[in-house]
Amino acid sequence: MGEMGSGIAARLVENGARVLTSLAGRSAATQSRAKSAGAEILDDKEISEQAEVILSIVPPSAAAATAQRFLPLIKNSQRKPLFLECNAIAPQTTIALAKPFTEQGLRFGDAGIIGLSPKPGEAGPRLYMSGDVQPEAGLLRSFGLNTRVLSDAVGDASALKMAYAGINKGFQAIGAAMILGAARNGAAESLLAELKDSQPVFCNWLQKKLPAMYSKAYRWDDEMRQIAKFLEPEPGSVAMLTGAADLYQHIAAEFEASGDSEMIRVLERFNRPPRSQIGSVISSEECGSLPDRPSTDL
C-alpha cells in the first residue's frame, strides 16, 4: 500500500468504512502505512469474499497482474464484488483487462485518480469513474471520497487520467530535460533568470514540482509508456512521451543508486539556487463488511 492507497484507506476508515488489504510479500514500510491507515490485513480470498468493491491502486506495471490475481477469486466468491481499476494505464489496457471479467459476467469499473493523496482537512483527489459503477460511486462518496461518474463506458476514466497526467508529468519531463541541457552547456543560471522574468508562474510550478518527482520517477516511467500507448497511432506524440519515460527511467536510476548524483544536483540547483544568486534568480522559498460498514480493498 503506497502513499495514495494508504491515504484513500485512511479517508474511508475515518468516515466509517471497513477497509481490507492484502500485504503478502510487501515491505515493512508498506505494512506500516496500511496499519496506520486503519486497514485490516487479510488474504486475497478473504477480501474477495468480504468486500463490496475492490480498488486496485498499484504501480502501472502491476495493474495487469493484480486484475488477473483477483479474477478467479471474485468468480468463485459469493459476493462477487466490483473490481475497480484505479491505476494510471491507457484506456486500451483497461478495456483489455475488463474483457475476461465481463465475459464471465463479473463487474469491472474504470477509475482515474487525479490529485494528491488525501490529507486531514483537505478535500482530497478526484476519483473519476466510468462503466457500471453508479452504486459503488455513491457508496465511496458516502465514505468521504470525491467520486465523479463520467459515463457508462469502461475506458473513459482512464482516457481522462492519461490526458491530464500527460500534460502534468510531460511538462515536468520537458522542464527537467531543458534544465539538464542548459547546465551541460553553461546556461543554467541564465535560463533560471529568464524563466523568472518571462515565465514566473511556470518557474514557480517547476521549482515546486521537481523536488517531489525524483522518488516517484520509477513509477512515472511505466505511466508515461501507458500515456504513449494512449496516444497511438500518432507517431510524434508516442515518441515524445516514450522519450519522457526514458528520462524518468534515468532519473529514477540516478536517485536510487546514489546519494550524490550529478543529475539530481543539477536539478536541485535550479530548484534551490545558492543565496548568492537571489536577486537575479528566484528561490524555492519565493516560489513557493457490510452492509453496516462497507468493506473496500486497496
C-alpha atoms as a PDB file:
ATOM      1  CA  MET A   1       0.000   0.000   0.000  1.00  0.00           C
ATOM      2  CA  GLY A   2       1.658   3.170  -1.222  1.00  0.00           C
ATOM      3  CA  GLU A   3       1.078   6.820  -0.396  1.00  0.00           C
ATOM      4  CA  MET A   4      -2.123   7.133  -2.452  1.00  0.00           C
ATOM      5  CA  GLY A   5      -3.586   3.809  -1.331  1.00  0.00           C
ATOM      6  CA  SER A   6      -2.890   4.467   2.333  1.00  0.00           C
ATOM      7  CA  GLY A   7      -4.309   7.993   2.084  1.00  0.00           C
ATOM      8  CA  ILE A   8      -7.528   6.747   0.496  1.00  0.00           C
ATOM      9  CA  ALA A   9      -7.745   3.918   3.042  1.00  0.00           C
ATOM     10  CA  ALA A  10      -7.392   6.382   5.922  1.00  0.00           C
ATOM     11  CA  ARG A  11     -10.076   8.661   4.455  1.00  0.00           C
ATOM     12  CA  LEU A  12     -12.506   5.740   4.130  1.00  0.00           C
ATOM     13  CA  VAL A  13     -11.768   4.446   7.627  1.00  0.00           C
ATOM     14  CA  GLU A  14     -12.178   7.849   9.261  1.00  0.00           C
ATOM     15  CA  ASN A  15     -15.620   8.071   7.662  1.00  0.00           C
ATOM     16  CA  GLY A  16     -16.728   4.684   8.980  1.00  0.00           C
ATOM     17  CA  ALA A  17     -15.852   2.207   6.236  1.00  0.00           C
ATOM     18  CA  ARG A  18     -14.175  -1.101   6.851  1.00  0.00           C
ATOM     19  CA  VAL A  19     -11.059  -1.320   4.643  1.00  0.00           C
ATOM     20  CA  LEU A  20      -9.305  -4.594   3.845  1.00  0.00           C
ATOM     21  CA  THR A  21      -5.922  -5.128   2.215  1.00  0.00           C
ATOM     22  CA  SER A  22      -3.513  -7.965   1.475  1.00  0.00           C
ATOM     23  CA  LEU A  23       0.199  -7.469   2.153  1.00  0.00           C
ATOM     24  CA  ALA A  24       1.834 -10.791   1.300  1.00  0.00           C
ATOM     25  CA  GLY A  25       5.427 -10.165   0.238  1.00  0.00           C
ATOM     26  CA  ARG A  26       5.160  -6.415   0.787  1.00  0.00           C
ATOM     27  CA  SER A  27       7.776  -4.261   2.512  1.00  0.00           C
ATOM     28  CA  ALA A  28       7.802  -3.255   6.163  1.00  0.00           C
ATOM     29  CA  ALA A  29       7.103   0.351   5.119  1.00  0.00           C
ATOM     30  CA  THR A  30       4.009  -0.777   3.199  1.00  0.00           C
ATOM     31  CA  GLN A  31       2.759  -2.779   6.174  1.00  0.00           C
ATOM     32  CA  SER A  32       3.326   0.190   8.458  1.00  0.00           C
ATOM     33  CA  ARG A  33       1.334   2.526   6.173  1.00  0.00           C
ATOM     34  CA  ALA A  34      -1.545   0.048   5.998  1.00  0.00           C
ATOM     35  CA  LYS A  35      -1.735  -0.332   9.758  1.00  0.00           C
ATOM     36  CA  SER A  36      -1.507   3.421  10.301  1.00  0.00           C
ATOM     37  CA  ALA A  37      -4.403   3.895   7.878  1.00  0.00           C
ATOM     38  CA  GLY A  38      -6.553   1.507   9.898  1.00  0.00           C
ATOM     39  CA  ALA A  39      -6.795  -1.212   7.237  1.00  0.00           C
ATOM     40  CA  GLU A  40      -7.388  -4.828   8.201  1.00  0.00           C
ATOM     41  CA  ILE A  41      -4.837  -7.316   6.851  1.00  0.00           C
ATOM     42  CA  LEU A  42      -6.449 -10.323   5.134  1.00  0.00           C
ATOM     43  CA  ASP A  43      -5.543 -12.623   2.263  1.00  0.00           C
ATOM     44  CA  ASP A  44      -6.872 -12.172  -1.290  1.00  0.00           C
ATOM     45  CA  LYS A  45      -9.525 -14.871  -0.943  1.00  0.00           C
ATOM     46  CA  GLU A  46     -10.909 -13.370   2.261  1.00  0.00           C
ATOM     47  CA  ILE A  47     -11.023  -9.939   0.638  1.00  0.00           C
ATOM     48  CA  SER A  48     -12.910 -11.284  -2.383  1.00  0.00           C
ATOM     49  CA  GLU A  49     -15.461 -12.886  -0.073  1.00  0.00           C
ATOM     50  CA  GLN A  50     -15.999  -9.896   2.207  1.00  0.00           C
ATOM     51  CA  ALA A  51     -15.557  -6.688   0.164  1.00  0.00           C
ATOM     52  CA  GLU A  52     -18.268  -4.908  -1.808  1.00  0.00           C
ATOM     53  CA  VAL A  53     -15.752  -3.184  -4.053  1.00  0.00           C
ATOM     54  CA  ILE A  54     -12.064  -3.929  -4.683  1.00  0.00           C
ATOM     55  CA  LEU A  55      -9.960  -0.880  -5.535  1.00  0.00           C
ATOM     56  CA  SER A  56      -6.772  -1.692  -7.417  1.00  0.00           C
ATOM     57  CA  ILE A  57      -4.270   1.089  -6.616  1.00  0.00           C
ATOM     58  CA  VAL A  58      -0.817  -0.156  -7.643  1.00  0.00           C
ATOM     59  CA  PRO A  59       2.023   0.987  -9.923  1.00  0.00           C
ATOM     60  CA  PRO A  60       1.013   0.777 -13.613  1.00  0.00           C
ATOM     61  CA  SER A  61       3.379  -2.145 -14.169  1.00  0.00           C
ATOM     62  CA  ALA A  62       1.455  -4.206 -11.586  1.00  0.00           C
ATOM     63  CA  ALA A  63      -2.084  -3.415 -12.812  1.00  0.00           C
ATOM     64  CA  ALA A  64      -2.497  -6.418 -15.105  1.00  0.00           C
ATOM     65  CA  ALA A  65      -1.134  -8.925 -12.570  1.00  0.00           C
ATOM     66  CA  THR A  66      -3.432  -7.532  -9.870  1.00  0.00           C
ATOM     67  CA  ALA A  67      -6.530  -7.863 -12.057  1.00  0.00           C
ATOM     68  CA  GLN A  68      -5.542 -11.393 -13.085  1.00  0.00           C
ATOM     69  CA  ARG A  69      -4.907 -12.340  -9.455  1.00  0.00           C
ATOM     70  CA  PHE A  70      -8.374 -11.318  -8.305  1.00  0.00           C
ATOM     71  CA  LEU A  71     -10.345 -12.528 -11.337  1.00  0.00           C
ATOM     72  CA  PRO A  72     -10.699 -16.224 -10.290  1.00  0.00           C
ATOM     73  CA  LEU A  73     -11.207 -15.290  -6.645  1.00  0.00           C
ATOM     74  CA  ILE A  74     -14.055 -12.912  -7.485  1.00  0.00           C
ATOM     75  CA  LYS A  75     -15.564 -15.508  -9.839  1.00  0.00           C
ATOM     76  CA  ASN A  76     -15.616 -18.118  -7.073  1.00  0.00           C
ATOM     77  CA  SER A  77     -16.861 -15.761  -4.358  1.00  0.00           C
ATOM     78  CA  GLN A  78     -20.483 -15.446  -3.293  1.00  0.00           C
ATOM     79  CA  ARG A  79     -20.474 -11.644  -3.079  1.00  0.00           C
ATOM     80  CA  LYS A  80     -18.753 -11.093  -6.447  1.00  0.00           C
ATOM     81  CA  PRO A  81     -17.567  -7.520  -5.717  1.00  0.00           C
ATOM     82  CA  LEU A  82     -16.946  -4.904  -8.357  1.00  0.00           C
ATOM     83  CA  PHE A  83     -13.278  -4.768  -9.406  1.00  0.00           C
ATOM     84  CA  LEU A  84     -12.426  -1.070  -9.758  1.00  0.00           C
ATOM     85  CA  GLU A  85      -9.295  -0.448 -11.825  1.00  0.00           C
ATOM     86  CA  CYS A  86      -7.846   2.827 -10.465  1.00  0.00           C
ATOM     87  CA  ASN A  87      -4.358   2.799 -11.989  1.00  0.00           C
ATOM     88  CA  ALA A  88      -2.606   5.115 -14.426  1.00  0.00           C
ATOM     89  CA  ILE A  89      -2.987   2.939 -17.513  1.00  0.00           C
ATOM     90  CA  ALA A  90      -4.120   3.552 -21.087  1.00  0.00           C
ATOM     91  CA  PRO A  91      -7.798   3.022 -21.925  1.00  0.00           C
ATOM     92  CA  GLN A  92      -6.716   0.275 -24.335  1.00  0.00           C
ATOM     93  CA  THR A  93      -5.077  -1.523 -21.395  1.00  0.00           C
ATOM     94  CA  THR A  94      -8.126  -1.002 -19.169  1.00  0.00           C
ATOM     95  CA  ILE A  95     -10.512  -2.383 -21.797  1.00  0.00           C
ATOM     96  CA  ALA A  96      -8.286  -5.440 -22.267  1.00  0.00           C
ATOM     97  CA  LEU A  97      -8.233  -6.065 -18.500  1.00  0.00           C
ATOM     98  CA  ALA A  98     -12.032  -5.712 -18.336  1.00  0.00           C
ATOM     99  CA  LYS A  99     -12.716  -8.272 -21.066  1.00  0.00           C
ATOM    100  CA  PRO A 100     -12.226 -11.511 -19.062  1.00  0.00           C
ATOM    101  CA  PHE A 101     -14.317 -10.079 -16.216  1.00  0.00           C
ATOM    102  CA  THR A 102     -17.276  -9.106 -18.385  1.00  0.00           C
ATOM    103  CA  GLU A 103     -17.081 -12.305 -20.438  1.00  0.00           C
ATOM    104  CA  GLN A 104     -17.654 -14.230 -17.200  1.00  0.00           C
ATOM    105  CA  GLY A 105     -20.482 -11.995 -16.024  1.00  0.00           C
ATOM    106  CA  LEU A 106     -18.354 -10.171 -13.445  1.00  0.00           C
ATOM    107  CA  ARG A 107     -18.441  -6.427 -12.834  1.00  0.00           C
ATOM    108  CA  PHE A 108     -15.470  -4.257 -13.767  1.00  0.00           C
ATOM    109  CA  GLY A 109     -15.196  -0.498 -13.265  1.00  0.00           C
ATOM    110  CA  ASP A 110     -12.764   2.077 -14.617  1.00  0.00           C
ATOM    111  CA  ALA A 111     -11.385   4.870 -12.438  1.00  0.00           C
ATOM    112  CA  GLY A 112      -8.733   7.551 -12.661  1.00  0.00           C
ATOM    113  CA  ILE A 113      -7.335   9.329  -9.614  1.00  0.00           C
ATOM    114  CA  ILE A 114      -6.395  12.971 -10.183  1.00  0.00           C
ATOM    115  CA  GLY A 115      -4.867  14.903  -7.297  1.00  0.00           C
ATOM    116  CA  LEU A 116      -2.686  14.255  -4.273  1.00  0.00           C
ATOM    117  CA  SER A 117      -3.264  11.643  -1.588  1.00  0.00           C
ATOM    118  CA  PRO A 118      -5.984  12.691   0.911  1.00  0.00           C
ATOM    119  CA  LYS A 119      -4.806  14.667   3.922  1.00  0.00           C
ATOM    120  CA  PRO A 120      -6.763  15.762   7.000  1.00  0.00           C
ATOM    121  CA  GLY A 121      -8.742  18.910   6.381  1.00  0.00           C
ATOM    122  CA  GLU A 122      -8.409  18.707   2.578  1.00  0.00           C
ATOM    123  CA  ALA A 123     -10.938  17.544   0.005  1.00  0.00           C
ATOM    124  CA  GLY A 124      -8.524  15.016  -1.465  1.00  0.00           C
ATOM    125  CA  PRO A 125      -8.196  13.818  -5.059  1.00  0.00           C
ATOM    126  CA  ARG A 126     -10.987  13.383  -7.583  1.00  0.00           C
ATOM    127  CA  LEU A 127     -11.887   9.771  -8.350  1.00  0.00           C
ATOM    128  CA  TYR A 128     -13.276   9.855 -11.885  1.00  0.00           C
ATOM    129  CA  MET A 129     -15.231   6.685 -12.690  1.00  0.00           C
ATOM    130  CA  SER A 130     -16.815   5.107 -15.750  1.00  0.00           C
ATOM    131  CA  GLY A 131     -18.653   1.883 -16.514  1.00  0.00           C
ATOM    132  CA  ASP A 132     -21.426   0.263 -14.478  1.00  0.00           C
ATOM    133  CA  VAL A 133     -20.273   1.988 -11.286  1.00  0.00           C
ATOM    134  CA  GLN A 134     -23.110   4.195 -10.035  1.00  0.00           C
ATOM    135  CA  PRO A 135     -23.847   2.197  -6.833  1.00  0.00           C
ATOM    136  CA  GLU A 136     -20.180   1.995  -5.849  1.00  0.00           C
ATOM    137  CA  ALA A 137     -19.577   5.664  -6.716  1.00  0.00           C
ATOM    138  CA  GLY A 138     -22.331   6.593  -4.286  1.00  0.00           C
ATOM    139  CA  LEU A 139     -21.010   4.207  -1.657  1.00  0.00           C
ATOM    140  CA  LEU A 140     -17.467   5.581  -1.846  1.00  0.00           C
ATOM    141  CA  ARG A 141     -18.783   9.156  -1.848  1.00  0.00           C
ATOM    142  CA  SER A 142     -20.709   8.445   1.345  1.00  0.00           C
ATOM    143  CA  PHE A 143     -17.419   7.479   2.981  1.00  0.00           C
ATOM    144  CA  GLY A 144     -15.543  10.637   2.043  1.00  0.00           C
ATOM    145  CA  LEU A 145     -14.178  10.124  -1.472  1.00  0.00           C
ATOM    146  CA  ASN A 146     -14.769  12.731  -4.176  1.00  0.00           C
ATOM    147  CA  THR A 147     -16.221  10.430  -6.849  1.00  0.00           C
ATOM    148  CA  ARG A 148     -17.353  11.730 -10.233  1.00  0.00           C
ATOM    149  CA  VAL A 149     -19.010   9.392 -12.756  1.00  0.00           C
ATOM    150  CA  LEU A 150     -18.173  10.290 -16.355  1.00  0.00           C
ATOM    151  CA  SER A 151     -20.111   7.706 -18.361  1.00  0.00           C
ATOM    152  CA  ASP A 152     -21.101   4.054 -18.534  1.00  0.00           C
ATOM    153  CA  ALA A 153     -18.192   3.215 -20.876  1.00  0.00           C
ATOM    154  CA  VAL A 154     -15.108   1.479 -19.496  1.00  0.00           C
ATOM    155  CA  GLY A 155     -12.051   3.388 -20.764  1.00  0.00           C
ATOM    156  CA  ASP A 156     -13.401   6.924 -20.433  1.00  0.00           C
ATOM    157  CA  ALA A 157     -11.990   7.484 -16.931  1.00  0.00           C
ATOM    158  CA  SER A 158      -8.616   6.071 -17.984  1.00  0.00           C
ATOM    159  CA  ALA A 159      -8.562   8.384 -21.013  1.00  0.00           C
ATOM    160  CA  LEU A 160      -9.106  11.443 -18.809  1.00  0.00           C
ATOM    161  CA  LYS A 161      -6.360  10.301 -16.433  1.00  0.00           C
ATOM    162  CA  MET A 162      -3.913   9.766 -19.307  1.00  0.00           C
ATOM    163  CA  ALA A 163      -4.623  13.161 -20.872  1.00  0.00           C
ATOM    164  CA  TYR A 164      -4.246  15.013 -17.566  1.00  0.00           C
ATOM    165  CA  ALA A 165      -1.130  13.092 -16.482  1.00  0.00           C
ATOM    166  CA  GLY A 166       0.435  13.562 -19.907  1.00  0.00           C
ATOM    167  CA  ILE A 167       0.202  17.334 -19.505  1.00  0.00           C
ATOM    168  CA  ASN A 168       1.261  17.424 -15.843  1.00  0.00           C
ATOM    169  CA  LYS A 169       4.135  14.931 -15.966  1.00  0.00           C
ATOM    170  CA  GLY A 170       5.015  15.710 -19.563  1.00  0.00           C
ATOM    171  CA  PHE A 171       5.662  19.357 -18.664  1.00  0.00           C
ATOM    172  CA  GLN A 172       7.845  18.233 -15.767  1.00  0.00           C
ATOM    173  CA  ALA A 173       9.863  15.987 -18.092  1.00  0.00           C
ATOM    174  CA  ILE A 174      10.377  18.821 -20.589  1.00  0.00           C
ATOM    175  CA  GLY A 175      11.387  21.180 -17.784  1.00  0.00           C
ATOM    176  CA  ALA A 176      13.875  18.695 -16.315  1.00  0.00           C
ATOM    177  CA  ALA A 177      15.345  17.933 -19.746  1.00  0.00           C
ATOM    178  CA  MET A 178      15.888  21.627 -20.557  1.00  0.00           C
ATOM    179  CA  ILE A 179      17.425  22.350 -17.143  1.00  0.00           C
ATOM    180  CA  LEU A 180      19.877  19.477 -17.620  1.00  0.00           C
ATOM    181  CA  GLY A 181      20.668  20.585 -21.178  1.00  0.00           C
ATOM    182  CA  ALA A 182      21.225  24.180 -20.090  1.00  0.00           C
ATOM    183  CA  ALA A 183      23.542  23.056 -17.283  1.00  0.00           C
ATOM    184  CA  ARG A 184      25.648  20.924 -19.637  1.00  0.00           C
ATOM    185  CA  ASN A 185      26.103  23.955 -21.849  1.00  0.00           C
ATOM    186  CA  GLY A 186      26.749  26.599 -19.201  1.00  0.00           C
ATOM    187  CA  ALA A 187      23.364  28.309 -19.426  1.00  0.00           C
ATOM    188  CA  ALA A 188      21.618  27.103 -16.246  1.00  0.00           C
ATOM    189  CA  GLU A 189      21.717  30.408 -14.335  1.00  0.00           C
ATOM    190  CA  SER A 190      20.673  32.388 -17.410  1.00  0.00           C
ATOM    191  CA  LEU A 191      17.768  30.012 -18.036  1.00  0.00           C
ATOM    192  CA  LEU A 192      16.526  30.388 -14.477  1.00  0.00           C
ATOM    193  CA  ALA A 193      16.800  34.184 -14.631  1.00  0.00           C
ATOM    194  CA  GLU A 194      14.901  34.316 -17.925  1.00  0.00           C
ATOM    195  CA  LEU A 195      12.158  31.990 -16.657  1.00  0.00           C
ATOM    196  CA  LYS A 196      11.807  34.200 -13.586  1.00  0.00           C
ATOM    197  CA  ASP A 197      11.384  37.278 -15.783  1.00  0.00           C
ATOM    198  CA  SER A 198       9.194  35.948 -18.592  1.00  0.00           C
ATOM    199  CA  GLN A 199       7.514  32.805 -17.201  1.00  0.00           C
ATOM    200  CA  PRO A 200       7.304  33.283 -13.413  1.00  0.00           C
ATOM    201  CA  VAL A 201       4.241  31.052 -12.973  1.00  0.00           C
ATOM    202  CA  PHE A 202       5.857  28.180 -14.855  1.00  0.00           C
ATOM    203  CA  CYS A 203       9.146  28.748 -12.999  1.00  0.00           C
ATOM    204  CA  ASN A 204       7.371  28.578  -9.640  1.00  0.00           C
ATOM    205  CA  TRP A 205       5.493  25.458 -10.723  1.00  0.00           C
ATOM    206  CA  LEU A 206       8.674  23.653 -11.782  1.00  0.00           C
ATOM    207  CA  GLN A 207      10.502  24.575  -8.580  1.00  0.00           C
ATOM    208  CA  LYS A 208       7.592  23.197  -6.573  1.00  0.00           C
ATOM    209  CA  LYS A 209       7.054  20.028  -8.603  1.00  0.00           C
ATOM    210  CA  LEU A 210      10.535  18.782  -9.493  1.00  0.00           C
ATOM    211  CA  PRO A 211      11.852  18.051  -5.970  1.00  0.00           C
ATOM    212  CA  ALA A 212       8.884  15.715  -5.342  1.00  0.00           C
ATOM    213  CA  MET A 213       9.400  13.959  -8.683  1.00  0.00           C
ATOM    214  CA  TYR A 214      12.680  12.110  -8.024  1.00  0.00           C
ATOM    215  CA  SER A 215      11.235   9.500  -5.672  1.00  0.00           C
ATOM    216  CA  LYS A 216       8.241   8.919  -7.992  1.00  0.00           C
ATOM    217  CA  ALA A 217      10.173   8.669 -11.263  1.00  0.00           C
ATOM    218  CA  TYR A 218      10.336   4.860 -11.113  1.00  0.00           C
ATOM    219  CA  ARG A 219       6.523   4.766 -11.341  1.00  0.00           C
ATOM    220  CA  TRP A 220       6.264   7.570 -13.865  1.00  0.00           C
ATOM    221  CA  ASP A 221       8.458   5.600 -16.286  1.00  0.00           C
ATOM    222  CA  ASP A 222       5.694   2.997 -16.741  1.00  0.00           C
ATOM    223  CA  GLU A 223       2.966   5.628 -16.604  1.00  0.00           C
ATOM    224  CA  MET A 224       4.488   7.643 -19.452  1.00  0.00           C
ATOM    225  CA  ARG A 225       4.672   4.485 -21.581  1.00  0.00           C
ATOM    226  CA  GLN A 226       0.971   3.934 -20.915  1.00  0.00           C
ATOM    227  CA  ILE A 227       0.315   7.550 -21.945  1.00  0.00           C
ATOM    228  CA  ALA A 228       2.305   6.916 -25.136  1.00  0.00           C
ATOM    229  CA  LYS A 229       0.065   3.903 -25.801  1.00  0.00           C
ATOM    230  CA  PHE A 230      -2.994   6.105 -25.220  1.00  0.00           C
ATOM    231  CA  LEU A 231      -1.712   8.464 -27.940  1.00  0.00           C
ATOM    232  CA  GLU A 232      -1.361   5.774 -30.625  1.00  0.00           C
ATOM    233  CA  PRO A 233      -1.289   5.867 -33.618  1.00  0.00           C
ATOM    234  CA  GLU A 234       0.135   9.434 -33.776  1.00  0.00           C
ATOM    235  CA  PRO A 235       3.892   8.697 -34.085  1.00  0.00           C
ATOM    236  CA  GLY A 236       5.201  12.091 -32.969  1.00  0.00           C
ATOM    237  CA  SER A 237       3.159  12.085 -29.757  1.00  0.00           C
ATOM    238  CA  VAL A 238       4.058   8.471 -28.993  1.00  0.00           C
ATOM    239  CA  ALA A 239       7.774   9.177 -29.467  1.00  0.00           C
ATOM    240  CA  MET A 240       7.586  12.322 -27.315  1.00  0.00           C
ATOM    241  CA  LEU A 241       6.009  10.544 -24.331  1.00  0.00           C
ATOM    242  CA  THR A 242       8.250   7.495 -24.748  1.00  0.00           C
ATOM    243  CA  GLY A 243      11.211   9.860 -24.542  1.00  0.00           C
ATOM    244  CA  ALA A 244       9.795  11.291 -21.320  1.00  0.00           C
ATOM    245  CA  ALA A 245       9.528   7.731 -19.974  1.00  0.00           C
ATOM    246  CA  ASP A 246      13.202   7.133 -20.804  1.00  0.00           C
ATOM    247  CA  LEU A 247      14.159  10.329 -18.971  1.00  0.00           C
ATOM    248  CA  TYR A 248      12.185   9.316 -15.868  1.00  0.00           C
ATOM    249  CA  GLN A 249      13.821   5.886 -16.003  1.00  0.00           C
ATOM    250  CA  HIS A 250      17.234   7.588 -15.957  1.00  0.00           C
ATOM    251  CA  ILE A 251      16.280   9.939 -13.113  1.00  0.00           C
ATOM    252  CA  ALA A 252      14.915   7.014 -11.080  1.00  0.00           C
ATOM    253  CA  ALA A 253      18.131   5.049 -11.536  1.00  0.00           C
ATOM    254  CA  GLU A 254      20.254   8.037 -10.521  1.00  0.00           C
ATOM    255  CA  PHE A 255      18.083   8.807  -7.495  1.00  0.00           C
ATOM    256  CA  GLU A 256      18.015   5.217  -6.237  1.00  0.00           C
ATOM    257  CA  ALA A 257      21.647   4.320  -6.950  1.00  0.00           C
ATOM    258  CA  SER A 258      23.475   7.295  -5.495  1.00  0.00           C
ATOM    259  CA  GLY A 259      23.030   9.865  -2.802  1.00  0.00           C
ATOM    260  CA  ASP A 260      25.364  12.168  -4.727  1.00  0.00           C
ATOM    261  CA  SER A 261      24.081  12.063  -8.305  1.00  0.00           C
ATOM    262  CA  GLU A 262      25.249  14.889 -10.563  1.00  0.00           C
ATOM    263  CA  MET A 263      21.906  14.787 -12.391  1.00  0.00           C
ATOM    264  CA  ILE A 264      19.954  15.302  -9.166  1.00  0.00           C
ATOM    265  CA  ARG A 265      22.390  18.003  -8.009  1.00  0.00           C
ATOM    266  CA  VAL A 266      21.830  19.952 -11.247  1.00  0.00           C
ATOM    267  CA  LEU A 267      18.056  19.806 -10.833  1.00  0.00           C
ATOM    268  CA  GLU A 268      18.346  20.794  -7.168  1.00  0.00           C
ATOM    269  CA  ARG A 269      20.477  23.827  -8.051  1.00  0.00           C
ATOM    270  CA  PHE A 270      17.600  25.002 -10.249  1.00  0.00           C
ATOM    271  CA  ASN A 271      15.041  24.335  -7.520  1.00  0.00           C
ATOM    272  CA  ARG A 272      17.135  25.810  -4.687  1.00  0.00           C
ATOM    273  CA  PRO A 273      19.710  28.197  -6.141  1.00  0.00           C
ATOM    274  CA  PRO A 274      22.512  29.438  -3.839  1.00  0.00           C
ATOM    275  CA  ARG A 275      21.637  32.531  -1.822  1.00  0.00           C
ATOM    276  CA  SER A 276      24.294  34.449  -3.724  1.00  0.00           C
ATOM    277  CA  GLN A 277      22.048  34.184  -6.780  1.00  0.00           C
ATOM    278  CA  ILE A 278      18.979  35.681  -5.062  1.00  0.00           C
ATOM    279  CA  GLY A 279      18.082  38.874  -6.880  1.00  0.00           C
ATOM    280  CA  SER A 280      18.941  37.500 -10.302  1.00  0.00           C
ATOM    281  CA  VAL A 281      17.050  34.228  -9.862  1.00  0.00           C
ATOM    282  CA  ILE A 282      14.117  33.108  -7.780  1.00  0.00           C
ATOM    283  CA  SER A 283      14.499  30.893  -4.727  1.00  0.00           C
ATOM    284  CA  SER A 284      12.374  27.905  -3.816  1.00  0.00           C
ATOM    285  CA  GLU A 285      11.058  29.785  -0.777  1.00  0.00           C
ATOM    286  CA  GLU A 286       9.786  32.580  -3.025  1.00  0.00           C
ATOM    287  CA  CYS A 287       8.227  30.074  -5.401  1.00  0.00           C
ATOM    288  CA  GLY A 288       6.998  28.919  -3.425  1.00  0.00           C
ATOM    289  CA  SER A 289     -18.191  -5.684   5.937  1.00  0.00           C
ATOM    290  CA  LEU A 290     -21.114  -4.644   5.147  1.00  0.00           C
ATOM    291  CA  PRO A 291     -23.899  -3.682   4.906  1.00  0.00           C
ATOM    292  CA  ASP A 292     -23.180  -1.906   8.245  1.00  0.00           C
ATOM    293  CA  ARG A 293     -19.581  -0.949   7.396  1.00  0.00           C
ATOM    294  CA  PRO A 294     -18.930  -1.469   3.677  1.00  0.00           C
ATOM    295  CA  SER A 295     -15.585  -3.149   3.000  1.00  0.00           C
ATOM    296  CA  THR A 296     -13.131  -1.872   0.455  1.00  0.00           C
ATOM    297  CA  ASP A 297      -9.829  -3.392  -0.595  1.00  0.00           C
ATOM    298  CA  LEU A 298      -6.883  -1.205  -1.525  1.00  0.00           C
END
